[in-house]
Protein backbone atom coordinates (compact mmCIF):
# COMPACT_ATOMS: atom_id res chain seq x y z
CA UNK A 1 144.87 156.06 103.30
CA UNK A 2 146.45 153.22 103.46
CA UNK A 3 149.85 152.47 101.99
CA UNK A 4 149.01 148.83 101.32
CA UNK A 5 146.09 147.83 99.32
CA UNK A 6 143.19 146.67 101.20
CA UNK A 7 142.14 142.82 100.39
CA UNK A 8 138.61 141.41 100.67
CA UNK A 9 137.47 137.68 101.72
CA UNK A 10 136.34 137.23 98.32
CA UNK A 11 140.23 137.79 97.41
CA UNK A 12 141.51 134.84 99.79
CA UNK A 13 141.15 131.23 98.30
CA UNK A 14 137.70 129.53 99.31
CA UNK A 15 139.90 127.77 101.96
CA UNK A 16 140.13 130.99 103.92
CA UNK A 17 136.96 132.49 104.10
CA UNK A 18 135.62 131.14 106.76
CA UNK A 19 138.58 132.35 108.61
CA UNK A 20 137.82 136.15 107.63
CA UNK A 21 133.68 134.83 108.55
CA UNK A 22 135.30 134.10 112.19
CA UNK A 23 137.12 136.91 112.50
CA UNK A 24 134.11 139.08 111.82
CA UNK A 25 132.88 138.08 114.71
CA UNK A 26 135.44 139.69 116.75
CA UNK A 27 135.66 142.94 116.12
CA UNK A 28 135.26 145.14 112.67
CA UNK A 29 138.61 144.40 111.42
CA UNK A 30 138.27 144.53 107.66
CA UNK A 31 141.37 146.91 106.53
CA UNK A 32 143.99 145.05 108.68
CA UNK A 33 142.83 141.58 108.16
CA UNK A 34 142.63 143.24 104.27
CA UNK A 35 146.10 143.90 104.78
CA UNK A 36 147.48 141.13 106.13
CA UNK A 37 145.81 139.53 103.01
CA UNK A 38 148.78 140.25 100.91
CA UNK A 39 150.82 137.45 103.00
CA UNK A 40 148.27 134.51 103.22
CA UNK A 41 150.56 132.64 105.98
CA UNK A 42 150.67 136.18 107.92
CA UNK A 43 146.66 136.60 107.41
CA UNK A 44 145.65 132.80 108.37
CA UNK A 45 148.23 132.41 111.27
CA UNK A 46 147.52 135.80 113.07
CA UNK A 47 143.56 135.61 112.68
CA UNK A 48 143.51 132.24 113.40
CA UNK A 49 145.49 132.80 116.97
CA UNK A 50 142.85 135.82 117.88
CA UNK A 51 139.72 134.07 116.92
CA UNK A 52 140.86 131.32 119.24
CA UNK A 53 142.72 133.13 122.36
CA UNK A 54 138.54 135.38 121.62
CA UNK A 55 137.11 131.76 122.80
CA UNK A 56 139.19 129.97 124.52
CA UNK A 57 141.41 132.98 126.17
CA UNK A 58 142.02 132.37 129.79
CA UNK A 59 142.91 136.19 130.57
CA UNK A 60 139.00 138.15 131.18
CA UNK A 61 137.97 140.20 128.80
CA UNK A 62 138.07 142.74 130.91
CA UNK A 63 141.85 142.76 131.60
CA UNK A 64 142.61 142.31 128.34
CA UNK A 65 141.12 145.09 126.96
CA UNK A 66 142.49 147.12 129.64
CA UNK A 67 145.88 145.64 128.33
CA UNK A 68 145.11 146.82 124.77
CA UNK A 69 144.00 150.02 125.31
CA UNK A 70 146.71 150.52 127.52
CA UNK A 71 149.62 149.19 124.95
CA UNK A 72 147.88 151.14 122.34
CA UNK A 73 147.55 154.62 123.87
CA UNK A 74 151.41 154.05 125.18
CA UNK A 75 152.34 153.11 121.29
CA UNK A 76 149.53 156.26 119.93
CA UNK A 77 147.94 153.95 117.43
CA UNK A 78 144.96 155.25 116.95
CA UNK A 79 143.67 152.62 114.91
CA UNK A 80 143.63 150.03 118.20
CA UNK A 81 142.27 152.49 120.41
CA UNK A 82 139.61 153.10 118.38
CA UNK A 83 138.80 149.26 117.95
CA UNK A 84 139.42 148.34 121.86
CA UNK A 85 137.55 151.18 123.86
CA UNK A 86 134.72 150.42 123.02
CA UNK A 87 135.62 146.65 124.10
CA UNK A 88 136.93 148.06 127.41
CA UNK A 89 133.56 150.75 127.73
CA UNK A 90 131.31 146.94 127.91
CA UNK A 91 133.48 146.16 130.47
CA UNK A 92 132.65 149.08 132.43
CA UNK A 93 135.66 151.19 131.77
CA UNK A 94 134.22 154.98 130.28
CA UNK A 95 135.55 156.34 127.41
CA UNK A 96 137.34 158.93 130.03
CA UNK A 97 138.66 156.56 131.72
CA UNK A 98 139.95 154.48 129.42
CA UNK A 99 141.38 157.96 127.26
CA UNK A 100 144.04 158.14 131.03
CA UNK A 101 144.29 154.98 131.92
CA UNK A 102 148.19 155.08 132.14
CA UNK A 103 147.32 157.57 134.47
CA UNK A 104 145.87 154.01 136.30
CA UNK A 105 147.10 154.56 139.92
CA UNK A 106 144.43 157.21 141.41
CA UNK A 107 142.00 155.58 138.30
CA UNK A 108 138.34 156.12 140.17
CA UNK A 109 137.20 153.09 137.38
CA UNK A 110 140.12 150.51 138.31
CA UNK A 111 140.47 148.00 141.53
CA UNK A 112 143.73 146.74 142.76
CA UNK A 113 144.12 143.84 140.11
CA UNK A 114 143.00 146.59 136.90
CA UNK A 115 145.92 148.53 138.48
CA UNK A 116 147.81 145.98 137.88
CA UNK A 117 147.18 144.94 134.50
CA UNK A 118 148.14 148.33 133.12
CA UNK A 119 150.90 148.84 135.31
CA UNK A 120 152.55 145.13 133.42
CA UNK A 121 150.93 146.66 130.44
CA UNK A 122 153.19 149.21 130.21
CA UNK A 123 156.31 147.20 131.87
CA UNK A 124 155.99 145.17 128.93
CA UNK A 125 155.70 147.78 126.13
CA UNK A 126 158.17 150.47 127.85
CA UNK A 127 160.16 148.40 130.23
CA UNK A 128 160.55 145.06 129.15
CA UNK A 129 164.37 144.55 129.90
CA UNK A 130 164.52 146.70 133.08
CA UNK A 131 161.26 144.73 134.84
CA UNK A 132 161.88 143.32 138.31
CA UNK A 133 160.82 140.06 140.55
CA UNK A 134 158.34 142.41 142.36
CA UNK A 135 155.60 142.61 139.68
CA UNK A 136 155.79 138.88 139.09
CA UNK A 137 155.49 138.29 142.42
CA UNK A 138 152.26 141.01 142.56
CA UNK A 139 150.82 139.28 139.29
CA UNK A 140 151.08 135.83 140.99
CA UNK A 141 149.02 136.61 143.43
CA UNK A 142 145.96 137.59 141.07
CA UNK A 143 146.96 135.59 137.72
CA UNK A 144 148.16 131.76 137.13
CA UNK A 145 150.91 130.61 135.52
CA UNK A 146 149.03 130.61 131.84
CA UNK A 147 147.42 133.83 132.15
CA UNK A 148 150.59 135.76 133.06
CA UNK A 149 151.80 133.85 129.74
CA UNK A 150 148.81 134.74 128.22
CA UNK A 151 148.54 138.40 129.22
CA UNK A 152 152.09 139.11 128.19
CA UNK A 153 151.88 137.43 125.07
CA UNK A 154 148.83 139.86 124.37
CA UNK A 155 150.67 142.65 125.55
CA UNK A 156 153.40 142.06 123.14
CA UNK A 157 151.58 141.04 119.98
CA UNK A 158 149.69 144.39 120.79
CA UNK A 159 152.53 146.37 120.56
CA UNK A 160 153.33 144.54 117.26
CA UNK A 161 150.06 145.25 115.81
CA UNK A 162 150.36 149.36 116.86
CA UNK A 163 153.23 149.35 114.81
CA UNK A 164 151.91 147.25 111.65
CA UNK A 165 148.77 149.66 111.57
CA UNK A 166 150.48 152.59 112.05
CA UNK A 167 153.21 151.99 109.66
CA UNK A 168 151.19 150.84 107.09
CA UNK A 169 148.75 154.37 107.60
CA UNK A 170 145.02 152.03 108.36
CA UNK A 171 142.73 153.42 108.17
CA UNK A 172 139.44 152.97 110.79
CA UNK A 173 136.53 150.96 109.64
CA UNK A 174 133.90 152.86 108.74
CA UNK A 175 131.29 152.59 111.55
CA UNK A 176 133.66 152.32 114.52
CA UNK A 177 134.13 155.52 116.13
CA UNK A 178 137.68 157.23 115.69
CA UNK A 179 139.23 157.56 118.70
CA UNK A 180 142.43 159.54 119.16
CA UNK A 181 145.72 157.83 121.01
CA UNK A 182 146.69 160.98 122.96
CA UNK A 183 147.93 160.85 126.43
């Protein structure tokens, strides 16, 4: 059970209800949004950012979901793995493949670019202060600088969401298949 009560759309001021409605098009994140709604600036700015990036994002959905699932596996966030592994399946990576992303080097479902995204996600999550220029040379061969910035931001933000969701013990919403974030 969540350590903080979960607010609903009806608890929001009228002006923020359209954002809640947009949020639901992003996925079944009502528990996360409902907890964020305790602080309206957090709800407003986080969900505005997420829905804007969903509609205007430069990074492909496949690469985004590869990054988010990788980070969530590393941080053992069941909530995020449960929400993003199905989105990754839509992008062509099986449930079994998603579960073993951190073992990316010989992953049969990933191409060179996919493996680079996973490697970079691991670097940003675990080795941000020891990452060498070499990986950026490889990133530049596949991504624009704007895409690198967006990918980096989404990876770092996912780590923050992992911590937020886990410390507050957010439960996966009904109807979302529960996935374990075991490595």
